[in-house]
Full PDB file with SEQRES, HELIX, SHEET, SSBOND, CRYST1, ORIGX, SCALE, CONECT and MASTER records, all heavy atoms in Angstrom:
SEQRES   1 A   30  ALA GLU GLY LYS PRO ILE PRO TRP ILE THR TYR PRO CYS          
SEQRES   2 A   30  LEU SER PHE LEU LYS SER ARG VAL THR SER LYS MET GLU          
SEQRES   3 A   30  VAL PHE GLU PHE                                              
HELIX    1 AA1 TYR A   11  LYS A   18  1                                   8    
CRYST1    1.000    1.000    1.000  90.00  90.00  90.00 P 1           1          
ORIGX1      1.000000  0.000000  0.000000        0.00000                         
ORIGX2      0.000000  1.000000  0.000000        0.00000                         
ORIGX3      0.000000  0.000000  1.000000        0.00000                         
SCALE1      1.000000  0.000000  0.000000        0.00000                         
SCALE2      0.000000  1.000000  0.000000        0.00000                         
SCALE3      0.000000  0.000000  1.000000        0.00000                         
ATOM      1  N   ALA A   1      36.120  14.960  13.591  1.00  0.00           N  
ATOM      2  CA  ALA A   1      36.001  15.246  15.018  1.00  0.00           C  
ATOM      3  C   ALA A   1      37.310  15.522  15.691  1.00  0.00           C  
ATOM      4  O   ALA A   1      37.331  16.143  16.750  1.00  0.00           O  
ATOM      5  CB  ALA A   1      35.365  14.029  15.678  1.00  0.00           C  
ATOM      6  N   GLU A   2      38.401  15.116  15.094  1.00  0.00           N  
ATOM      7  CA  GLU A   2      39.727  15.401  15.625  1.00  0.00           C  
ATOM      8  C   GLU A   2      40.366  16.648  15.064  1.00  0.00           C  
ATOM      9  O   GLU A   2      41.511  16.979  15.388  1.00  0.00           O  
ATOM     10  CB  GLU A   2      40.681  14.188  15.360  1.00  0.00           C  
ATOM     11  CG  GLU A   2      40.184  12.897  16.062  1.00  0.00           C  
ATOM     12  CD  GLU A   2      41.082  11.757  15.730  1.00  0.00           C  
ATOM     13  OE1 GLU A   2      41.978  11.884  14.854  1.00  0.00           O  
ATOM     14  OE2 GLU A   2      40.893  10.683  16.341  1.00  0.00           O  
ATOM     15  N   GLY A   3      39.642  17.332  14.192  1.00  0.00           N  
ATOM     16  CA  GLY A   3      40.153  18.571  13.568  1.00  0.00           C  
ATOM     17  C   GLY A   3      41.017  18.340  12.327  1.00  0.00           C  
ATOM     18  O   GLY A   3      41.634  19.262  11.807  1.00  0.00           O  
ATOM     19  N   LYS A   4      41.026  17.084  11.865  1.00  0.00           N  
ATOM     20  CA  LYS A   4      41.836  16.763  10.698  1.00  0.00           C  
ATOM     21  C   LYS A   4      41.067  17.070   9.404  1.00  0.00           C  
ATOM     22  O   LYS A   4      39.830  16.961   9.380  1.00  0.00           O  
ATOM     23  CB  LYS A   4      42.237  15.283  10.702  1.00  0.00           C  
ATOM     24  CG  LYS A   4      43.166  14.944  11.864  1.00  0.00           C  
ATOM     25  CD  LYS A   4      43.503  13.465  11.866  1.00  0.00           C  
ATOM     26  CE  LYS A   4      44.419  13.089  13.024  1.00  0.00           C  
ATOM     27  NZ  LYS A   4      44.733  11.631  12.991  1.00  0.00           N  
ATOM     28  N   PRO A   5      41.721  17.481   8.346  1.00  0.00           N  
ATOM     29  CA  PRO A   5      41.029  17.813   7.066  1.00  0.00           C  
ATOM     30  C   PRO A   5      40.360  16.627   6.431  1.00  0.00           C  
ATOM     31  O   PRO A   5      40.913  15.510   6.421  1.00  0.00           O  
ATOM     32  CB  PRO A   5      42.145  18.381   6.195  1.00  0.00           C  
ATOM     33  CG  PRO A   5      43.420  17.801   6.702  1.00  0.00           C  
ATOM     34  CD  PRO A   5      43.210  17.688   8.221  1.00  0.00           C  
ATOM     35  N   ILE A   6      39.192  16.845   5.882  1.00  0.00           N  
ATOM     36  CA  ILE A   6      38.493  15.865   5.171  1.00  0.00           C  
ATOM     37  C   ILE A   6      37.844  16.512   3.883  1.00  0.00           C  
ATOM     38  O   ILE A   6      37.681  17.716   3.849  1.00  0.00           O  
ATOM     39  CB  ILE A   6      37.325  15.193   5.991  1.00  0.00           C  
ATOM     40  CG1 ILE A   6      36.330  16.260   6.485  1.00  0.00           C  
ATOM     41  CG2 ILE A   6      37.894  14.400   7.149  1.00  0.00           C  
ATOM     42  CD1 ILE A   6      35.103  15.653   7.192  1.00  0.00           C  
ATOM     43  N   PRO A   7      37.549  15.691   2.851  1.00  0.00           N  
ATOM     44  CA  PRO A   7      36.895  16.265   1.669  1.00  0.00           C  
ATOM     45  C   PRO A   7      35.523  16.842   2.021  1.00  0.00           C  
ATOM     46  O   PRO A   7      34.774  16.305   2.864  1.00  0.00           O  
ATOM     47  CB  PRO A   7      36.764  15.054   0.763  1.00  0.00           C  
ATOM     48  CG  PRO A   7      37.807  14.080   1.225  1.00  0.00           C  
ATOM     49  CD  PRO A   7      37.856  14.273   2.694  1.00  0.00           C  
ATOM     50  N   TRP A   8      35.128  17.869   1.286  1.00  0.00           N  
ATOM     51  CA  TRP A   8      33.785  18.465   1.486  1.00  0.00           C  
ATOM     52  C   TRP A   8      32.795  17.728   0.594  1.00  0.00           C  
ATOM     53  O   TRP A   8      32.287  18.275  -0.334  1.00  0.00           O  
ATOM     54  CB  TRP A   8      33.861  19.974   1.176  1.00  0.00           C  
ATOM     55  CG  TRP A   8      32.704  20.756   1.687  1.00  0.00           C  
ATOM     56  CD1 TRP A   8      31.704  20.314   2.479  1.00  0.00           C  
ATOM     57  CD2 TRP A   8      32.443  22.133   1.491  1.00  0.00           C  
ATOM     58  NE1 TRP A   8      30.812  21.303   2.799  1.00  0.00           N  
ATOM     59  CE2 TRP A   8      31.237  22.444   2.169  1.00  0.00           C  
ATOM     60  CE3 TRP A   8      33.073  23.112   0.779  1.00  0.00           C  
ATOM     61  CZ2 TRP A   8      30.670  23.705   2.195  1.00  0.00           C  
ATOM     62  CZ3 TRP A   8      32.503  24.397   0.800  1.00  0.00           C  
ATOM     63  CH2 TRP A   8      31.314  24.715   1.449  1.00  0.00           C  
ATOM     64  N   ILE A   9      32.584  16.467   0.928  1.00  0.00           N  
ATOM     65  CA  ILE A   9      31.646  15.608   0.240  1.00  0.00           C  
ATOM     66  C   ILE A   9      30.718  15.019   1.267  1.00  0.00           C  
ATOM     67  O   ILE A   9      30.832  15.258   2.452  1.00  0.00           O  
ATOM     68  CB  ILE A   9      32.366  14.485  -0.544  1.00  0.00           C  
ATOM     69  CG1 ILE A   9      33.174  13.614   0.380  1.00  0.00           C  
ATOM     70  CG2 ILE A   9      33.235  15.064  -1.654  1.00  0.00           C  
ATOM     71  CD1 ILE A   9      33.881  12.424  -0.324  1.00  0.00           C  
ATOM     72  N   THR A  10      29.756  14.231   0.848  1.00  0.00           N  
ATOM     73  CA  THR A  10      28.817  13.637   1.820  1.00  0.00           C  
ATOM     74  C   THR A  10      29.549  12.665   2.746  1.00  0.00           C  
ATOM     75  O   THR A  10      30.503  11.954   2.317  1.00  0.00           O  
ATOM     76  CB  THR A  10      27.654  12.916   1.127  1.00  0.00           C  
ATOM     77  OG1 THR A  10      28.110  11.813   0.409  1.00  0.00           O  
ATOM     78  CG2 THR A  10      26.898  13.874   0.212  1.00  0.00           C  
ATOM     79  N   TYR A  11      29.155  12.658   4.004  1.00  0.00           N  
ATOM     80  CA  TYR A  11      29.747  11.736   4.951  1.00  0.00           C  
ATOM     81  C   TYR A  11      29.613  10.227   4.527  1.00  0.00           C  
ATOM     82  O   TYR A  11      30.557   9.468   4.726  1.00  0.00           O  
ATOM     83  CB  TYR A  11      29.176  11.913   6.350  1.00  0.00           C  
ATOM     84  CG  TYR A  11      29.612  13.205   6.978  1.00  0.00           C  
ATOM     85  CD1 TYR A  11      28.736  14.245   7.270  1.00  0.00           C  
ATOM     86  CD2 TYR A  11      30.938  13.363   7.395  1.00  0.00           C  
ATOM     87  CE1 TYR A  11      29.128  15.370   7.905  1.00  0.00           C  
ATOM     88  CE2 TYR A  11      31.382  14.515   8.003  1.00  0.00           C  
ATOM     89  CZ  TYR A  11      30.469  15.537   8.266  1.00  0.00           C  
ATOM     90  OH  TYR A  11      30.910  16.701   8.894  1.00  0.00           O  
ATOM     91  N   PRO A  12      28.448   9.817   4.003  1.00  0.00           N  
ATOM     92  CA  PRO A  12      28.368   8.431   3.528  1.00  0.00           C  
ATOM     93  C   PRO A  12      29.461   8.069   2.484  1.00  0.00           C  
ATOM     94  O   PRO A  12      30.004   6.976   2.481  1.00  0.00           O  
ATOM     95  CB  PRO A  12      26.946   8.307   2.971  1.00  0.00           C  
ATOM     96  CG  PRO A  12      26.176   9.350   3.712  1.00  0.00           C  
ATOM     97  CD  PRO A  12      27.152  10.477   3.910  1.00  0.00           C  
ATOM     98  N   CYS A  13      29.702   8.976   1.537  1.00  0.00           N  
ATOM     99  CA  CYS A  13      30.712   8.707   0.527  1.00  0.00           C  
ATOM    100  C   CYS A  13      32.102   8.688   1.143  1.00  0.00           C  
ATOM    101  O   CYS A  13      32.953   7.807   0.840  1.00  0.00           O  
ATOM    102  CB  CYS A  13      30.687   9.767  -0.567  1.00  0.00           C  
ATOM    103  SG  CYS A  13      31.759   9.415  -1.972  1.00  0.00           S  
ATOM    104  N   LEU A  14      32.357   9.581   2.073  1.00  0.00           N  
ATOM    105  CA  LEU A  14      33.674   9.609   2.759  1.00  0.00           C  
ATOM    106  C   LEU A  14      33.886   8.292   3.512  1.00  0.00           C  
ATOM    107  O   LEU A  14      34.982   7.707   3.461  1.00  0.00           O  
ATOM    108  CB  LEU A  14      33.702  10.777   3.689  1.00  0.00           C  
ATOM    109  CG  LEU A  14      35.003  10.952   4.510  1.00  0.00           C  
ATOM    110  CD1 LEU A  14      36.189  11.141   3.571  1.00  0.00           C  
ATOM    111  CD2 LEU A  14      34.882  12.158   5.444  1.00  0.00           C  
ATOM    112  N   SER A  15      32.876   7.785   4.199  1.00  0.00           N  
ATOM    113  CA  SER A  15      33.011   6.542   4.910  1.00  0.00           C  
ATOM    114  C   SER A  15      33.302   5.398   3.939  1.00  0.00           C  
ATOM    115  O   SER A  15      34.109   4.477   4.276  1.00  0.00           O  
ATOM    116  CB  SER A  15      31.723   6.250   5.719  1.00  0.00           C  
ATOM    117  OG  SER A  15      31.534   7.208   6.699  1.00  0.00           O  
ATOM    118  N   PHE A  16      32.668   5.414   2.797  1.00  0.00           N  
ATOM    119  CA  PHE A  16      32.856   4.395   1.779  1.00  0.00           C  
ATOM    120  C   PHE A  16      34.317   4.398   1.286  1.00  0.00           C  
ATOM    121  O   PHE A  16      34.919   3.331   1.151  1.00  0.00           O  
ATOM    122  CB  PHE A  16      31.873   4.629   0.638  1.00  0.00           C  
ATOM    123  CG  PHE A  16      31.995   3.622  -0.440  1.00  0.00           C  
ATOM    124  CD1 PHE A  16      31.368   2.394  -0.407  1.00  0.00           C  
ATOM    125  CD2 PHE A  16      32.734   3.972  -1.615  1.00  0.00           C  
ATOM    126  CE1 PHE A  16      31.517   1.451  -1.396  1.00  0.00           C  
ATOM    127  CE2 PHE A  16      32.829   3.002  -2.638  1.00  0.00           C  
ATOM    128  CZ  PHE A  16      32.226   1.781  -2.553  1.00  0.00           C  
ATOM    129  N   LEU A  17      34.805   5.532   1.047  1.00  0.00           N  
ATOM    130  CA  LEU A  17      36.165   5.703   0.502  1.00  0.00           C  
ATOM    131  C   LEU A  17      37.280   5.246   1.462  1.00  0.00           C  
ATOM    132  O   LEU A  17      38.306   4.718   1.052  1.00  0.00           O  
ATOM    133  CB  LEU A  17      36.406   7.137   0.020  1.00  0.00           C  
ATOM    134  CG  LEU A  17      35.639   7.620  -1.186  1.00  0.00           C  
ATOM    135  CD1 LEU A  17      35.867   9.104  -1.368  1.00  0.00           C  
ATOM    136  CD2 LEU A  17      36.064   6.863  -2.458  1.00  0.00           C  
ATOM    137  N   LYS A  18      37.058   5.525   2.708  1.00  0.00           N  
ATOM    138  CA  LYS A  18      38.116   5.310   3.741  1.00  0.00           C  
ATOM    139  C   LYS A  18      38.711   3.910   3.668  1.00  0.00           C  
ATOM    140  O   LYS A  18      39.949   3.749   3.798  1.00  0.00           O  
ATOM    141  CB  LYS A  18      37.565   5.596   5.139  1.00  0.00           C  
ATOM    142  CG  LYS A  18      37.426   7.062   5.458  1.00  0.00           C  
ATOM    143  CD  LYS A  18      36.877   7.220   6.856  1.00  0.00           C  
ATOM    144  CE  LYS A  18      36.732   8.677   7.264  1.00  0.00           C  
ATOM    145  NZ  LYS A  18      36.143   8.854   8.601  1.00  0.00           N  
ATOM    146  N   SER A  19      37.876   2.881   3.498  1.00  0.00           N  
ATOM    147  CA  SER A  19      38.354   1.546   3.537  1.00  0.00           C  
ATOM    148  C   SER A  19      38.796   1.026   2.173  1.00  0.00           C  
ATOM    149  O   SER A  19      39.295  -0.114   2.050  1.00  0.00           O  
ATOM    150  CB  SER A  19      37.312   0.623   4.112  1.00  0.00           C  
ATOM    151  OG  SER A  19      36.129   0.622   3.289  1.00  0.00           O  
ATOM    152  N   ARG A  20      38.643   1.806   1.140  1.00  0.00           N  
ATOM    153  CA  ARG A  20      38.904   1.321  -0.224  1.00  0.00           C  
ATOM    154  C   ARG A  20      40.079   2.022  -0.945  1.00  0.00           C  
ATOM    155  O   ARG A  20      40.591   1.508  -1.921  1.00  0.00           O  
ATOM    156  CB  ARG A  20      37.628   1.422  -1.076  1.00  0.00           C  
ATOM    157  CG  ARG A  20      36.527   0.532  -0.556  1.00  0.00           C  
ATOM    158  CD  ARG A  20      35.198   0.786  -1.201  1.00  0.00           C  
ATOM    159  NE  ARG A  20      34.158  -0.040  -0.574  1.00  0.00           N  
ATOM    160  CZ  ARG A  20      33.591  -1.141  -1.114  1.00  0.00           C  
ATOM    161  NH1 ARG A  20      34.013  -1.549  -2.299  1.00  0.00           N  
ATOM    162  NH2 ARG A  20      32.673  -1.800  -0.529  1.00  0.00           N  
ATOM    163  N   VAL A  21      40.425   3.200  -0.446  1.00  0.00           N  
ATOM    164  CA  VAL A  21      41.518   3.915  -1.059  1.00  0.00           C  
ATOM    165  C   VAL A  21      42.848   3.294  -0.588  1.00  0.00           C  
ATOM    166  O   VAL A  21      43.003   2.952   0.555  1.00  0.00           O  
ATOM    167  CB  VAL A  21      41.482   5.403  -0.618  1.00  0.00           C  
ATOM    168  CG1 VAL A  21      42.747   6.122  -1.077  1.00  0.00           C  
ATOM    169  CG2 VAL A  21      40.244   6.080  -1.213  1.00  0.00           C  
ATOM    170  N   THR A  22      43.787   3.119  -1.541  1.00  0.00           N  
ATOM    171  CA  THR A  22      45.062   2.500  -1.178  1.00  0.00           C  
ATOM    172  C   THR A  22      46.263   3.393  -1.527  1.00  0.00           C  
ATOM    173  O   THR A  22      46.125   4.347  -2.340  1.00  0.00           O  
ATOM    174  CB  THR A  22      45.257   1.172  -1.948  1.00  0.00           C  
ATOM    175  OG1 THR A  22      45.490   1.443  -3.316  1.00  0.00           O  
ATOM    176  CG2 THR A  22      44.027   0.298  -1.811  1.00  0.00           C  
ATOM    177  N   SER A  23      47.362   3.116  -0.968  1.00  0.00           N  
ATOM    178  CA  SER A  23      48.578   3.952  -1.114  1.00  0.00           C  
ATOM    179  C   SER A  23      49.194   3.838  -2.531  1.00  0.00           C  
ATOM    180  O   SER A  23      50.016   4.656  -2.906  1.00  0.00           O  
ATOM    181  CB  SER A  23      49.637   3.568  -0.056  1.00  0.00           C  
ATOM    182  OG  SER A  23      50.006   2.196  -0.260  1.00  0.00           O  
ATOM    183  N   LYS A  24      48.737   2.909  -3.355  1.00  0.00           N  
ATOM    184  CA  LYS A  24      49.230   2.710  -4.711  1.00  0.00           C  
ATOM    185  C   LYS A  24      48.491   3.637  -5.696  1.00  0.00           C  
ATOM    186  O   LYS A  24      48.907   3.770  -6.831  1.00  0.00           O  
ATOM    187  CB  LYS A  24      49.104   1.272  -5.126  1.00  0.00           C  
ATOM    188  CG  LYS A  24      49.941   0.334  -4.302  1.00  0.00           C  
ATOM    189  CD  LYS A  24      49.789  -1.083  -4.825  1.00  0.00           C  
ATOM    190  CE  LYS A  24      50.659  -2.057  -4.024  1.00  0.00           C  
ATOM    191  NZ  LYS A  24      50.522  -3.455  -4.512  1.00  0.00           N  
ATOM    192  N   MET A  25      47.431   4.275  -5.296  1.00  0.00           N  
ATOM    193  CA  MET A  25      46.581   5.038  -6.197  1.00  0.00           C  
ATOM    194  C   MET A  25      47.164   6.398  -6.496  1.00  0.00           C  
ATOM    195  O   MET A  25      47.932   6.942  -5.713  1.00  0.00           O  
ATOM    196  CB  MET A  25      45.187   5.206  -5.598  1.00  0.00           C  
ATOM    197  CG  MET A  25      44.381   3.935  -5.463  1.00  0.00           C  
ATOM    198  SD  MET A  25      42.720   4.273  -4.805  1.00  0.00           S  
ATOM    199  CE  MET A  25      42.022   2.640  -4.870  1.00  0.00           C  
ATOM    200  N   GLU A  26      46.771   6.943  -7.640  1.00  0.00           N  
ATOM    201  CA  GLU A  26      47.066   8.345  -7.958  1.00  0.00           C  
ATOM    202  C   GLU A  26      45.736   9.025  -8.207  1.00  0.00           C  
ATOM    203  O   GLU A  26      44.789   8.441  -8.820  1.00  0.00           O  
ATOM    204  CB  GLU A  26      47.957   8.443  -9.181  1.00  0.00           C  
ATOM    205  CG  GLU A  26      49.335   7.923  -8.935  1.00  0.00           C  
ATOM    206  CD  GLU A  26      50.370   8.247 -10.023  1.00  0.00           C  
ATOM    207  OE1 GLU A  26      50.126   9.292 -10.713  1.00  0.00           O  
ATOM    208  OE2 GLU A  26      51.350   7.562 -10.183  1.00  0.00           O  
ATOM    209  N   VAL A  27      45.599  10.281  -7.806  1.00  0.00           N  
ATOM    210  CA  VAL A  27      44.319  11.001  -7.837  1.00  0.00           C  
ATOM    211  C   VAL A  27      44.501  12.336  -8.523  1.00  0.00           C  
ATOM    212  O   VAL A  27      45.529  12.999  -8.313  1.00  0.00           O  
ATOM    213  CB  VAL A  27      43.785  11.190  -6.413  1.00  0.00           C  
ATOM    214  CG1 VAL A  27      42.531  12.090  -6.399  1.00  0.00           C  
ATOM    215  CG2 VAL A  27      43.463   9.841  -5.745  1.00  0.00           C  
ATOM    216  N   PHE A  28      43.500  12.724  -9.324  1.00  0.00           N  
ATOM    217  CA  PHE A  28      43.452  14.053  -9.882  1.00  0.00           C  
ATOM    218  C   PHE A  28      42.217  14.761  -9.372  1.00  0.00           C  
ATOM    219  O   PHE A  28      41.132  14.186  -9.275  1.00  0.00           O  
ATOM    220  CB  PHE A  28      43.339  14.003 -11.405  1.00  0.00           C  
ATOM    221  CG  PHE A  28      43.410  15.338 -12.125  1.00  0.00           C  
ATOM    222  CD1 PHE A  28      44.589  15.801 -12.607  1.00  0.00           C  
ATOM    223  CD2 PHE A  28      42.304  16.158 -12.170  1.00  0.00           C  
ATOM    224  CE1 PHE A  28      44.722  17.050 -13.239  1.00  0.00           C  
ATOM    225  CE2 PHE A  28      42.354  17.420 -12.776  1.00  0.00           C  
ATOM    226  CZ  PHE A  28      43.527  17.856 -13.324  1.00  0.00           C  
ATOM    227  N   GLU A  29      42.414  16.043  -9.000  1.00  0.00           N  
ATOM    228  CA  GLU A  29      41.291  16.853  -8.457  1.00  0.00           C  
ATOM    229  C   GLU A  29      41.122  18.099  -9.288  1.00  0.00           C  
ATOM    230  O   GLU A  29      42.075  18.821  -9.514  1.00  0.00           O  
ATOM    231  CB  GLU A  29      41.536  17.250  -7.030  1.00  0.00           C  
ATOM    232  CG  GLU A  29      41.394  16.233  -5.989  1.00  0.00           C  
ATOM    233  CD  GLU A  29      41.445  16.869  -4.606  1.00  0.00           C  
ATOM    234  OE1 GLU A  29      42.477  17.410  -4.229  1.00  0.00           O  
ATOM    235  OE2 GLU A  29      40.410  16.881  -3.874  1.00  0.00           O  
ATOM    236  N   PHE A  30      39.898  18.410  -9.692  1.00  0.00           N  
ATOM    237  CA  PHE A  30      39.541  19.720 -10.159  1.00  0.00           C  
ATOM    238  C   PHE A  30      38.991  20.484  -8.921  1.00  0.00           C  
ATOM    239  O   PHE A  30      37.956  20.177  -8.328  1.00  0.00           O  
ATOM    240  CB  PHE A  30      38.447  19.659 -11.217  1.00  0.00           C  
ATOM    241  CG  PHE A  30      38.932  19.240 -12.564  1.00  0.00           C  
ATOM    242  CD1 PHE A  30      38.679  17.997 -13.028  1.00  0.00           C  
ATOM    243  CD2 PHE A  30      39.610  20.130 -13.381  1.00  0.00           C  
ATOM    244  CE1 PHE A  30      39.121  17.586 -14.300  1.00  0.00           C  
ATOM    245  CE2 PHE A  30      40.067  19.753 -14.603  1.00  0.00           C  
ATOM    246  CZ  PHE A  30      39.836  18.469 -15.051  1.00  0.00           C  
TER     247      PHE A  30                                                      
MASTER        0    0    0    1    0    0    0    6  246    1    0    3          
END                                                                             
């Protein structure tokens, strides 16, 4: 809603991830 980029995944999954992802993690994307 603020124009910031978000993953093109379902909104329920995005909401779930927001509170569980931490700064110590490393991520790989295809």
